[in-house]
Amino acid sequence: MNTTVTLKKNADFRRLYHRGKSYADPALVVYFCKNRAGICRIGITVSTKLGNAVERNRCKRIIRAAYRALEDELSGSYDFVFVARSRTKHLKSTQVQAAMRGLLKKAGLLCA
């Protein structure tokens, strides 16, 4: 099982937004960049435009659950930032997981 740490510093998020590669889906956007830490690090952002705190936290939980399901299939050590879109709050975690799988497969990050 891969070790995953959360990104907390604004500088890490900005580095991924500017230097990282990105892929988008109607439900999710993923920014990623290779790191030298030997572990995967993730950050999740949800805009206040998506709803109140309850809806935003639900989006974060759904994205986190989808990432955990795909965590073992990742190859290498990367930094990820997942950005929720307006459709995310209406989807179930399995649907977000399928969208995330498609984005990571398109990026060539899944080993399976």
PDB file of N, CA and C in Angstrom:
ATOM      1  N   MET A   1       0.840  -1.181   0.000  1.00  0.00           N
ATOM      2  CA  MET A   1       0.000   0.000   0.000  1.00  0.00           C
ATOM      3  C   MET A   1       0.888   1.247   0.000  1.00  0.00           C
ATOM      4  N   ASN A   2       0.580   2.185  -0.885  1.00  0.00           N
ATOM      5  CA  ASN A   2       1.356   3.418  -0.976  1.00  0.00           C
ATOM      6  C   ASN A   2       1.058   4.323   0.219  1.00  0.00           C
ATOM      7  N   THR A   3       2.082   5.044   0.639  1.00  0.00           N
ATOM      8  CA  THR A   3       1.902   6.023   1.687  1.00  0.00           C
ATOM      9  C   THR A   3       1.476   7.333   1.045  1.00  0.00           C
ATOM     10  N   THR A   4       0.454   7.971   1.588  1.00  0.00           N
ATOM     11  CA  THR A   4      -0.037   9.222   1.043  1.00  0.00           C
ATOM     12  C   THR A   4      -0.089  10.264   2.139  1.00  0.00           C
ATOM     13  N   VAL A   5       0.391  11.455   1.819  1.00  0.00           N
ATOM     14  CA  VAL A   5       0.398  12.585   2.731  1.00  0.00           C
ATOM     15  C   VAL A   5      -0.403  13.701   2.074  1.00  0.00           C
ATOM     16  N   THR A   6      -1.019  14.562   2.864  1.00  0.00           N
ATOM     17  CA  THR A   6      -1.794  15.655   2.297  1.00  0.00           C
ATOM     18  C   THR A   6      -0.930  16.887   2.110  1.00  0.00           C
ATOM     19  N   LEU A   7      -1.215  17.613   1.049  1.00  0.00           N
ATOM     20  CA  LEU A   7      -0.568  18.902   0.800  1.00  0.00           C
ATOM     21  C   LEU A   7      -1.292  19.960   1.612  1.00  0.00           C
ATOM     22  N   LYS A   8      -0.540  20.813   2.279  1.00  0.00           N
ATOM     23  CA  LYS A   8      -1.165  21.840   3.102  1.00  0.00           C
ATOM     24  C   LYS A   8      -0.667  23.242   2.800  1.00  0.00           C
ATOM     25  N   LYS A   9       0.514  23.354   2.217  1.00  0.00           N
ATOM     26  CA  LYS A   9       1.098  24.672   1.981  1.00  0.00           C
ATOM     27  C   LYS A   9       0.621  25.259   0.655  1.00  0.00           C
ATOM     28  N   ASN A  10       0.339  26.544   0.693  1.00  0.00           N
ATOM     29  CA  ASN A  10      -0.124  27.247  -0.496  1.00  0.00           C
ATOM     30  C   ASN A  10       0.925  27.194  -1.601  1.00  0.00           C
ATOM     31  N   ALA A  11       2.193  27.221  -1.247  1.00  0.00           N
ATOM     32  CA  ALA A  11       3.269  27.172  -2.240  1.00  0.00           C
ATOM     33  C   ALA A  11       3.226  25.870  -3.034  1.00  0.00           C
ATOM     34  N   ASP A  12       2.885  24.759  -2.374  1.00  0.00           N
ATOM     35  CA  ASP A  12       2.776  23.472  -3.077  1.00  0.00           C
ATOM     36  C   ASP A  12       1.626  23.488  -4.076  1.00  0.00           C
ATOM     37  N   PHE A  13       0.495  24.056  -3.661  1.00  0.00           N
ATOM     38  CA  PHE A  13      -0.649  24.146  -4.566  1.00  0.00           C
ATOM     39  C   PHE A  13      -0.313  25.032  -5.766  1.00  0.00           C
ATOM     40  N   ARG A  14       0.302  26.185  -5.525  1.00  0.00           N
ATOM     41  CA  ARG A  14       0.650  27.095  -6.615  1.00  0.00           C
ATOM     42  C   ARG A  14       1.657  26.459  -7.567  1.00  0.00           C
ATOM     43  N   ARG A  15       2.626  25.711  -7.038  1.00  0.00           N
ATOM     44  CA  ARG A  15       3.609  25.034  -7.880  1.00  0.00           C
ATOM     45  C   ARG A  15       2.921  24.064  -8.829  1.00  0.00           C
ATOM     46  N   LEU A  16       1.949  23.318  -8.322  1.00  0.00           N
ATOM     47  CA  LEU A  16       1.234  22.367  -9.181  1.00  0.00           C
ATOM     48  C   LEU A  16       0.369  23.076 -10.209  1.00  0.00           C
ATOM     49  N   TYR A  17      -0.283  24.175  -9.815  1.00  0.00           N
ATOM     50  CA  TYR A  17      -1.119  24.901 -10.764  1.00  0.00           C
ATOM     51  C   TYR A  17      -0.292  25.469 -11.914  1.00  0.00           C
ATOM     52  N   HIS A  18       0.927  25.922 -11.638  1.00  0.00           N
ATOM     53  CA  HIS A  18       1.724  26.581 -12.660  1.00  0.00           C
ATOM     54  C   HIS A  18       2.657  25.641 -13.411  1.00  0.00           C
ATOM     55  N   ARG A  19       3.269  24.689 -12.727  1.00  0.00           N
ATOM     56  CA  ARG A  19       4.250  23.814 -13.374  1.00  0.00           C
ATOM     57  C   ARG A  19       3.726  22.427 -13.696  1.00  0.00           C
ATOM     58  N   GLY A  20       2.647  22.017 -13.043  1.00  0.00           N
ATOM     59  CA  GLY A  20       2.145  20.666 -13.239  1.00  0.00           C
ATOM     60  C   GLY A  20       1.329  20.529 -14.507  1.00  0.00           C
ATOM     61  N   LYS A  21       1.076  19.299 -14.872  1.00  0.00           N
ATOM     62  CA  LYS A  21       0.205  19.008 -16.001  1.00  0.00           C
ATOM     63  C   LYS A  21      -1.206  18.815 -15.472  1.00  0.00           C
ATOM     64  N   SER A  22      -2.195  19.027 -16.324  1.00  0.00           N
ATOM     65  CA  SER A  22      -3.575  18.903 -15.862  1.00  0.00           C
ATOM     66  C   SER A  22      -4.429  18.197 -16.898  1.00  0.00           C
ATOM     67  N   TYR A  23      -5.428  17.498 -16.376  1.00  0.00           N
ATOM     68  CA  TYR A  23      -6.449  16.867 -17.196  1.00  0.00           C
ATOM     69  C   TYR A  23      -7.790  17.167 -16.556  1.00  0.00           C
ATOM     70  N   ALA A  24      -8.798  17.389 -17.392  1.00  0.00           N
ATOM     71  CA  ALA A  24     -10.106  17.797 -16.871  1.00  0.00           C
ATOM     72  C   ALA A  24     -11.200  16.851 -17.334  1.00  0.00           C
ATOM     73  N   ASP A  25     -12.221  16.788 -16.514  1.00  0.00           N
ATOM     74  CA  ASP A  25     -13.409  15.973 -16.732  1.00  0.00           C
ATOM     75  C   ASP A  25     -14.572  16.843 -16.258  1.00  0.00           C
ATOM     76  N   PRO A  26     -15.793  16.594 -16.683  1.00  0.00           N
ATOM     77  CA  PRO A  26     -16.901  17.409 -16.162  1.00  0.00           C
ATOM     78  C   PRO A  26     -17.064  17.327 -14.644  1.00  0.00           C
ATOM     79  N   ALA A  27     -16.560  16.275 -14.019  1.00  0.00           N
ATOM     80  CA  ALA A  27     -16.714  16.119 -12.581  1.00  0.00           C
ATOM     81  C   ALA A  27     -15.474  16.510 -11.794  1.00  0.00           C
ATOM     82  N   LEU A  28     -14.311  16.574 -12.437  1.00  0.00           N
ATOM     83  CA  LEU A  28     -13.065  16.673 -11.683  1.00  0.00           C
ATOM     84  C   LEU A  28     -11.943  17.218 -12.571  1.00  0.00           C
ATOM     85  N   VAL A  29     -11.005  17.929 -11.943  1.00  0.00           N
ATOM     86  CA  VAL A  29      -9.770  18.353 -12.607  1.00  0.00           C
ATOM     87  C   VAL A  29      -8.624  17.832 -11.767  1.00  0.00           C
ATOM     88  N   VAL A  30      -7.592  17.295 -12.414  1.00  0.00           N
ATOM     89  CA  VAL A  30      -6.425  16.810 -11.682  1.00  0.00           C
ATOM     90  C   VAL A  30      -5.178  17.516 -12.206  1.00  0.00           C
ATOM     91  N   TYR A  31      -4.397  18.062 -11.274  1.00  0.00           N
ATOM     92  CA  TYR A  31      -3.077  18.611 -11.559  1.00  0.00           C
ATOM     93  C   TYR A  31      -2.074  17.654 -10.926  1.00  0.00           C
ATOM     94  N   PHE A  32      -0.989  17.364 -11.630  1.00  0.00           N
ATOM     95  CA  PHE A  32      -0.007  16.449 -11.063  1.00  0.00           C
ATOM     96  C   PHE A  32       1.389  16.828 -11.502  1.00  0.00           C
ATOM     97  N   CYS A  33       2.342  16.426 -10.690  1.00  0.00           N
ATOM     98  CA  CYS A  33       3.750  16.677 -10.959  1.00  0.00           C
ATOM     99  C   CYS A  33       4.559  15.629 -10.208  1.00  0.00           C
ATOM    100  N   LYS A  34       5.613  15.146 -10.823  1.00  0.00           N
ATOM    101  CA  LYS A  34       6.470  14.147 -10.169  1.00  0.00           C
ATOM    102  C   LYS A  34       7.215  14.800  -9.009  1.00  0.00           C
ATOM    103  N   ASN A  35       7.401  14.046  -7.921  1.00  0.00           N
ATOM    104  CA  ASN A  35       8.178  14.560  -6.789  1.00  0.00           C
ATOM    105  C   ASN A  35       9.303  13.598  -6.450  1.00  0.00           C
ATOM    106  N   ARG A  36      10.215  14.052  -5.608  1.00  0.00           N
ATOM    107  CA  ARG A  36      11.351  13.229  -5.212  1.00  0.00           C
ATOM    108  C   ARG A  36      11.191  12.692  -3.799  1.00  0.00           C
ATOM    109  N   ALA A  37      10.033  12.856  -3.219  1.00  0.00           N
ATOM    110  CA  ALA A  37       9.819  12.459  -1.826  1.00  0.00           C
ATOM    111  C   ALA A  37       9.681  10.948  -1.662  1.00  0.00           C
ATOM    112  N   GLY A  38       9.343  10.243  -2.719  1.00  0.00           N
ATOM    113  CA  GLY A  38       9.162   8.801  -2.619  1.00  0.00           C
ATOM    114  C   GLY A  38       7.775   8.397  -2.160  1.00  0.00           C
ATOM    115  N   ILE A  39       6.890   9.386  -1.953  1.00  0.00           N
ATOM    116  CA  ILE A  39       5.508   9.131  -1.545  1.00  0.00           C
ATOM    117  C   ILE A  39       4.592   9.991  -2.395  1.00  0.00           C
ATOM    118  N   CYS A  40       3.330   9.620  -2.437  1.00  0.00           N
ATOM    119  CA  CYS A  40       2.335  10.436  -3.120  1.00  0.00           C
ATOM    120  C   CYS A  40       1.757  11.437  -2.132  1.00  0.00           C
ATOM    121  N   ARG A  41       1.543  12.651  -2.612  1.00  0.00           N
ATOM    122  CA  ARG A  41       0.929  13.683  -1.780  1.00  0.00           C
ATOM    123  C   ARG A  41      -0.282  14.226  -2.528  1.00  0.00           C
ATOM    124  N   ILE A  42      -1.388  14.426  -1.808  1.00  0.00           N
ATOM    125  CA  ILE A  42      -2.595  14.927  -2.472  1.00  0.00           C
ATOM    126  C   ILE A  42      -3.116  16.168  -1.764  1.00  0.00           C
ATOM    127  N   GLY A  43      -3.760  17.005  -2.550  1.00  0.00           N
ATOM    128  CA  GLY A  43      -4.475  18.158  -2.047  1.00  0.00           C
ATOM    129  C   GLY A  43      -5.816  18.216  -2.754  1.00  0.00           C
ATOM    130  N   ILE A  44      -6.826  18.672  -2.048  1.00  0.00           N
ATOM    131  CA  ILE A  44      -8.171  18.740  -2.614  1.00  0.00           C
ATOM    132  C   ILE A  44      -8.689  20.156  -2.423  1.00  0.00           C
ATOM    133  N   THR A  45      -9.191  20.755  -3.499  1.00  0.00           N
ATOM    134  CA  THR A  45      -9.770  22.091  -3.395  1.00  0.00           C
ATOM    135  C   THR A  45     -11.194  22.070  -3.905  1.00  0.00           C
ATOM    136  N   VAL A  46     -12.030  22.812  -3.188  1.00  0.00           N
ATOM    137  CA  VAL A  46     -13.434  22.955  -3.561  1.00  0.00           C
ATOM    138  C   VAL A  46     -13.788  24.426  -3.401  1.00  0.00           C
ATOM    139  N   SER A  47     -14.273  25.035  -4.445  1.00  0.00           N
ATOM    140  CA  SER A  47     -14.611  26.445  -4.423  1.00  0.00           C
ATOM    141  C   SER A  47     -15.855  26.704  -3.577  1.00  0.00           C
ATOM    142  N   THR A  48     -15.946  27.908  -3.014  1.00  0.00           N
ATOM    143  CA  THR A  48     -17.140  28.271  -2.243  1.00  0.00           C
ATOM    144  C   THR A  48     -18.353  28.428  -3.146  1.00  0.00           C
ATOM    145  N   LYS A  49     -18.129  28.519  -4.458  1.00  0.00           N
ATOM    146  CA  LYS A  49     -19.249  28.616  -5.401  1.00  0.00           C
ATOM    147  C   LYS A  49     -20.050  27.322  -5.473  1.00  0.00           C
ATOM    148  N   LEU A  50     -19.470  26.222  -5.028  1.00  0.00           N
ATOM    149  CA  LEU A  50     -20.135  24.924  -5.124  1.00  0.00           C
ATOM    150  C   LEU A  50     -21.230  24.729  -4.092  1.00  0.00           C
ATOM    151  N   GLY A  51     -21.252  25.536  -3.047  1.00  0.00           N
ATOM    152  CA  GLY A  51     -22.316  25.391  -2.053  1.00  0.00           C
ATOM    153  C   GLY A  51     -21.808  25.725  -0.671  1.00  0.00           C
ATOM    154  N   ASN A  52     -22.624  25.360   0.305  1.00  0.00           N
ATOM    155  CA  ASN A  52     -22.257  25.653   1.696  1.00  0.00           C
ATOM    156  C   ASN A  52     -21.221  24.640   2.188  1.00  0.00           C
ATOM    157  N   ALA A  53     -20.809  24.769   3.435  1.00  0.00           N
ATOM    158  CA  ALA A  53     -19.734  23.943   3.985  1.00  0.00           C
ATOM    159  C   ALA A  53     -20.066  22.453   3.946  1.00  0.00           C
ATOM    160  N   VAL A  54     -21.330  22.118   4.152  1.00  0.00           N
ATOM    161  CA  VAL A  54     -21.738  20.713   4.142  1.00  0.00           C
ATOM    162  C   VAL A  54     -21.504  20.102   2.759  1.00  0.00           C
ATOM    163  N   GLU A  55     -21.915  20.823   1.709  1.00  0.00           N
ATOM    164  CA  GLU A  55     -21.742  20.310   0.352  1.00  0.00           C
ATOM    165  C   GLU A  55     -20.276  20.257  -0.049  1.00  0.00           C
ATOM    166  N   ARG A  56     -19.495  21.256   0.349  1.00  0.00           N
ATOM    167  CA  ARG A  56     -18.066  21.264   0.019  1.00  0.00           C
ATOM    168  C   ARG A  56     -17.339  20.124   0.719  1.00  0.00           C
ATOM    169  N   ASN A  57     -17.656  19.877   1.982  1.00  0.00           N
ATOM    170  CA  ASN A  57     -17.022  18.772   2.707  1.00  0.00           C
ATOM    171  C   ASN A  57     -17.422  17.425   2.124  1.00  0.00           C
ATOM    172  N   ARG A  58     -18.653  17.303   1.634  1.00  0.00           N
ATOM    173  CA  ARG A  58     -19.081  16.064   0.985  1.00  0.00           C
ATOM    174  C   ARG A  58     -18.259  15.830  -0.285  1.00  0.00           C
ATOM    175  N   CYS A  59     -18.024  16.890  -1.046  1.00  0.00           N
ATOM    176  CA  CYS A  59     -17.197  16.766  -2.247  1.00  0.00           C
ATOM    177  C   CYS A  59     -15.796  16.283  -1.880  1.00  0.00           C
ATOM    178  N   LYS A  60     -15.220  16.834  -0.822  1.00  0.00           N
ATOM    179  CA  LYS A  60     -13.879  16.424  -0.397  1.00  0.00           C
ATOM    180  C   LYS A  60     -13.858  14.961   0.032  1.00  0.00           C
ATOM    181  N   ARG A  61     -14.886  14.537   0.769  1.00  0.00           N
ATOM    182  CA  ARG A  61     -14.950  13.131   1.215  1.00  0.00           C
ATOM    183  C   ARG A  61     -15.061  12.189   0.023  1.00  0.00           C
ATOM    184  N   ILE A  62     -15.862  12.561  -0.957  1.00  0.00           N
ATOM    185  CA  ILE A  62     -16.056  11.724  -2.140  1.00  0.00           C
ATOM    186  C   ILE A  62     -14.750  11.599  -2.926  1.00  0.00           C
ATOM    187  N   ILE A  63     -14.049  12.707  -3.102  1.00  0.00           N
ATOM    188  CA  ILE A  63     -12.783  12.685  -3.840  1.00  0.00           C
ATOM    189  C   ILE A  63     -11.742  11.870  -3.079  1.00  0.00           C
ATOM    190  N   ARG A  64     -11.692  12.042  -1.759  1.00  0.00           N
ATOM    191  CA  ARG A  64     -10.738  11.295  -0.935  1.00  0.00           C
ATOM    192  C   ARG A  64     -11.011   9.793  -1.022  1.00  0.00           C
ATOM    193  N   ALA A  65     -12.285   9.400  -0.973  1.00  0.00           N
ATOM    194  CA  ALA A  65     -12.649   7.983  -1.062  1.00  0.00           C
ATOM    195  C   ALA A  65     -12.281   7.410  -2.433  1.00  0.00           C
ATOM    196  N   ALA A  66     -12.513   8.183  -3.486  1.00  0.00           N
ATOM    197  CA  ALA A  66     -12.164   7.718  -4.831  1.00  0.00           C
ATOM    198  C   ALA A  66     -10.656   7.553  -4.969  1.00  0.00           C
ATOM    199  N   TYR A  67      -9.888   8.470  -4.385  1.00  0.00           N
ATOM    200  CA  TYR A  67      -8.432   8.362  -4.460  1.00  0.00           C
ATOM    201  C   TYR A  67      -7.944   7.136  -3.698  1.00  0.00           C
ATOM    202  N   ARG A  68      -8.495   6.892  -2.517  1.00  0.00           N
ATOM    203  CA  ARG A  68      -8.072   5.730  -1.726  1.00  0.00           C
ATOM    204  C   ARG A  68      -8.303   4.429  -2.472  1.00  0.00           C
ATOM    205  N   ALA A  69      -9.387   4.358  -3.243  1.00  0.00           N
ATOM    206  CA  ALA A  69      -9.687   3.144  -3.997  1.00  0.00           C
ATOM    207  C   ALA A  69      -8.668   2.918  -5.113  1.00  0.00           C
ATOM    208  N   LEU A  70      -8.103   4.000  -5.660  1.00  0.00           N
ATOM    209  CA  LEU A  70      -7.158   3.884  -6.768  1.00  0.00           C
ATOM    210  C   LEU A  70      -5.704   3.994  -6.328  1.00  0.00           C
ATOM    211  N   GLU A  71      -5.478   4.216  -5.069  1.00  0.00           N
ATOM    212  CA  GLU A  71      -4.130   4.493  -4.548  1.00  0.00           C
ATOM    213  C   GLU A  71      -3.126   3.381  -4.850  1.00  0.00           C
ATOM    214  N   ASP A  72      -3.547   2.134  -4.749  1.00  0.00           N
ATOM    215  CA  ASP A  72      -2.636   1.011  -4.944  1.00  0.00           C
ATOM    216  C   ASP A  72      -2.241   0.812  -6.412  1.00  0.00           C
ATOM    217  N   GLU A  73      -3.009   1.386  -7.329  1.00  0.00           N
ATOM    218  CA  GLU A  73      -2.731   1.215  -8.753  1.00  0.00           C
ATOM    219  C   GLU A  73      -1.764   2.264  -9.297  1.00  0.00           C
ATOM    220  N   LEU A  74      -1.408   3.265  -8.488  1.00  0.00           N
ATOM    221  CA  LEU A  74      -0.518   4.331  -8.952  1.00  0.00           C
ATOM    222  C   LEU A  74       0.917   3.838  -9.024  1.00  0.00           C
ATOM    223  N   SER A  75       1.616   4.315 -10.019  1.00  0.00           N
ATOM    224  CA  SER A  75       3.029   3.966 -10.144  1.00  0.00           C
ATOM    225  C   SER A  75       3.861   5.228  -9.969  1.00  0.00           C
ATOM    226  N   GLY A  76       4.852   5.182  -9.115  1.00  0.00           N
ATOM    227  CA  GLY A  76       5.722   6.322  -8.893  1.00  0.00           C
ATOM    228  C   GLY A  76       5.242   7.215  -7.761  1.00  0.00           C
ATOM    229  N   SER A  77       5.980   8.291  -7.535  1.00  0.00           N
ATOM    230  CA  SER A  77       5.624   9.236  -6.484  1.00  0.00           C
ATOM    231  C   SER A  77       5.282  10.577  -7.128  1.00  0.00           C
ATOM    232  N   TYR A  78       4.085  11.042  -6.883  1.00  0.00           N
ATOM    233  CA  TYR A  78       3.572  12.259  -7.508  1.00  0.00           C
ATOM    234  C   TYR A  78       2.891  13.129  -6.465  1.00  0.00           C
ATOM    235  N   ASP A  79       2.789  14.414  -6.805  1.00  0.00           N
ATOM    236  CA  ASP A  79       1.947  15.347  -6.073  1.00  0.00           C
ATOM    237  C   ASP A  79       0.688  15.543  -6.907  1.00  0.00           C
ATOM    238  N   PHE A  80      -0.463  15.472  -6.271  1.00  0.00           N
ATOM    239  CA  PHE A  80      -1.742  15.647  -6.952  1.00  0.00           C
ATOM    240  C   PHE A  80      -2.525  16.770  -6.297  1.00  0.00           C
ATOM    241  N   VAL A  81      -3.240  17.527  -7.114  1.00  0.00           N
ATOM    242  CA  VAL A  81      -4.273  18.434  -6.611  1.00  0.00           C
ATOM    243  C   VAL A  81      -5.525  18.098  -7.397  1.00  0.00           C
ATOM    244  N   PHE A  82      -6.575  17.739  -6.678  1.00  0.00           N
ATOM    245  CA  PHE A  82      -7.865  17.457  -7.288  1.00  0.00           C
ATOM    246  C   PHE A  82      -8.778  18.640  -7.026  1.00  0.00           C
ATOM    247  N   VAL A  83      -9.393  19.153  -8.090  1.00  0.00           N
ATOM    248  CA  VAL A  83     -10.289  20.297  -7.984  1.00  0.00           C
ATOM    249  C   VAL A  83     -11.700  19.818  -8.315  1.00  0.00           C
ATOM    250  N   ALA A  84     -12.605  20.024  -7.385  1.00  0.00           N
ATOM    251  CA  ALA A  84     -13.998  19.619  -7.598  1.00  0.00           C
ATOM    252  C   ALA A  84     -14.686  20.606  -8.528  1.00  0.00           C
ATOM    253  N   ARG A  85     -15.565  20.094  -9.348  1.00  0.00           N
ATOM    254  CA  ARG A  85     -16.372  20.929 -10.226  1.00  0.00           C
ATOM    255  C   ARG A  85     -17.822  20.872  -9.782  1.00  0.00           C
ATOM    256  N   SER A  86     -18.665  21.666 -10.433  1.00  0.00           N
ATOM    257  CA  SER A  86     -20.058  21.795  -9.986  1.00  0.00           C
ATOM    258  C   SER A  86     -20.818  20.476 -10.042  1.00  0.00           C
ATOM    259  N   ARG A  87     -20.441  19.584 -10.940  1.00  0.00           N
ATOM    260  CA  ARG A  87     -21.133  18.304 -11.059  1.00  0.00           C
ATOM    261  C   ARG A  87     -20.760  17.326  -9.943  1.00  0.00           C
ATOM    262  N   THR A  88     -19.625  17.553  -9.294  1.00  0.00           N
ATOM    263  CA  THR A  88     -19.108  16.618  -8.290  1.00  0.00           C
ATOM    264  C   THR A  88     -20.076  16.414  -7.142  1.00  0.00           C
ATOM    265  N   LYS A  89     -20.742  17.470  -6.708  1.00  0.00           N
ATOM    266  CA  LYS A  89     -21.599  17.347  -5.527  1.00  0.00           C
ATOM    267  C   LYS A  89     -22.849  16.509  -5.778  1.00  0.00           C
ATOM    268  N   HIS A  90     -23.167  16.239  -7.040  1.00  0.00           N
ATOM    269  CA  HIS A  90     -24.339  15.433  -7.363  1.00  0.00           C
ATOM    270  C   HIS A  90     -23.987  13.965  -7.630  1.00  0.00           C
ATOM    271  N   LEU A  91     -22.704  13.630  -7.641  1.00  0.00           N
ATOM    272  CA  LEU A  91     -22.276  12.274  -7.993  1.00  0.00           C
ATOM    273  C   LEU A  91     -21.974  11.435  -6.763  1.00  0.00           C
ATOM    274  N   LYS A  92     -21.984  10.128  -6.953  1.00  0.00           N
ATOM    275  CA  LYS A  92     -21.578   9.194  -5.914  1.00  0.00           C
ATOM    276  C   LYS A  92     -20.084   8.927  -6.049  1.00  0.00           C
ATOM    277  N   SER A  93     -19.509   8.342  -5.000  1.00  0.00           N
ATOM    278  CA  SER A  93     -18.061   8.143  -5.000  1.00  0.00           C
ATOM    279  C   SER A  93     -17.606   7.180  -6.101  1.00  0.00           C
ATOM    280  N   THR A  94     -18.446   6.220  -6.467  1.00  0.00           N
ATOM    281  CA  THR A  94     -18.054   5.300  -7.540  1.00  0.00           C
ATOM    282  C   THR A  94     -17.990   6.016  -8.882  1.00  0.00           C
ATOM    283  N   GLN A  95     -18.874   6.993  -9.095  1.00  0.00           N
ATOM    284  CA  GLN A  95     -18.847   7.749 -10.342  1.00  0.00           C
ATOM    285  C   GLN A  95     -17.626   8.668 -10.397  1.00  0.00           C
ATOM    286  N   VAL A  96     -17.289   9.276  -9.266  1.00  0.00           N
ATOM    287  CA  VAL A  96     -16.094  10.117  -9.205  1.00  0.00           C
ATOM    288  C   VAL A  96     -14.847   9.248  -9.364  1.00  0.00           C
ATOM    289  N   GLN A  97     -14.890   8.040  -8.814  1.00  0.00           N
ATOM    290  CA  GLN A  97     -13.766   7.112  -8.956  1.00  0.00           C
ATOM    291  C   GLN A  97     -13.555   6.751 -10.425  1.00  0.00           C
ATOM    292  N   ALA A  98     -14.639   6.530 -11.164  1.00  0.00           N
ATOM    293  CA  ALA A  98     -14.518   6.217 -12.587  1.00  0.00           C
ATOM    294  C   ALA A  98     -13.947   7.401 -13.360  1.00  0.00           C
ATOM    295  N   ALA A  99     -14.367   8.608 -13.006  1.00  0.00           N
ATOM    296  CA  ALA A  99     -13.836   9.801 -13.662  1.00  0.00           C
ATOM    297  C   ALA A  99     -12.353   9.970 -13.336  1.00  0.00           C
ATOM    298  N   MET A 100     -11.982   9.727 -12.078  1.00  0.00           N
ATOM    299  CA  MET A 100     -10.592   9.846 -11.656  1.00  0.00           C
ATOM    300  C   MET A 100      -9.737   8.796 -12.343  1.00  0.00           C
ATOM    301  N   ARG A 101     -10.248   7.584 -12.457  1.00  0.00           N
ATOM    302  CA  ARG A 101      -9.519   6.507 -13.141  1.00  0.00           C
ATOM    303  C   ARG A 101      -9.254   6.900 -14.594  1.00  0.00           C
ATOM    304  N   GLY A 102     -10.259   7.461 -15.259  1.00  0.00           N
ATOM    305  CA  GLY A 102     -10.083   7.888 -16.649  1.00  0.00           C
ATOM    306  C   GLY A 102      -9.035   8.971 -16.791  1.00  0.00           C
ATOM    307  N   LEU A 103      -9.039   9.948 -15.881  1.00  0.00           N
ATOM    308  CA  LEU A 103      -8.049  11.029 -15.947  1.00  0.00           C
ATOM    309  C   LEU A 103      -6.640  10.515 -15.683  1.00  0.00           C
ATOM    310  N   LEU A 104      -6.486   9.657 -14.672  1.00  0.00           N
ATOM    311  CA  LEU A 104      -5.159   9.132 -14.355  1.00  0.00           C
ATOM    312  C   LEU A 104      -4.650   8.184 -15.432  1.00  0.00           C
ATOM    313  N   LYS A 105      -5.575   7.472 -16.069  1.00  0.00           N
ATOM    314  CA  LYS A 105      -5.183   6.580 -17.170  1.00  0.00           C
ATOM    315  C   LYS A 105      -4.761   7.402 -18.380  1.00  0.00           C
ATOM    316  N   LYS A 106      -5.475   8.488 -18.646  1.00  0.00           N
ATOM    317  CA  LYS A 106      -5.128   9.382 -19.744  1.00  0.00           C
ATOM    318  C   LYS A 106      -3.751  10.008 -19.518  1.00  0.00           C
ATOM    319  N   ALA A 107      -3.420  10.267 -18.251  1.00  0.00           N
ATOM    320  CA  ALA A 107      -2.126  10.846 -17.903  1.00  0.00           C
ATOM    321  C   ALA A 107      -1.023   9.793 -17.910  1.00  0.00           C
ATOM    322  N   GLY A 108      -1.389   8.512 -17.912  1.00  0.00           N
ATOM    323  CA  GLY A 108      -0.403   7.439 -17.924  1.00  0.00           C
ATOM    324  C   GLY A 108       0.187   7.144 -16.550  1.00  0.00           C
ATOM    325  N   LEU A 109      -0.573   7.391 -15.495  1.00  0.00           N
ATOM    326  CA  LEU A 109      -0.070   7.217 -14.128  1.00  0.00           C
ATOM    327  C   LEU A 109      -0.514   5.912 -13.479  1.00  0.00           C
ATOM    328  N   LEU A 110      -1.456   5.208 -14.085  1.00  0.00           N
ATOM    329  CA  LEU A 110      -1.912   3.935 -13.510  1.00  0.00           C
ATOM    330  C   LEU A 110      -1.073   2.798 -14.067  1.00  0.00           C
ATOM    331  N   CYS A 111      -0.636   1.919 -13.181  1.00  0.00           N
ATOM    332  CA  CYS A 111       0.201   0.797 -13.640  1.00  0.00           C
ATOM    333  C   CYS A 111      -0.636  -0.367 -14.123  1.00  0.00           C
ATOM    334  N   ALA A 112      -1.899  -0.428 -13.755  1.00  0.00           N
ATOM    335  CA  ALA A 112      -2.743  -1.558 -14.160  1.00  0.00           C
ATOM    336  C   ALA A 112      -3.434  -1.297 -15.466  1.00  0.00           C
TER     337      ALA A 112
END
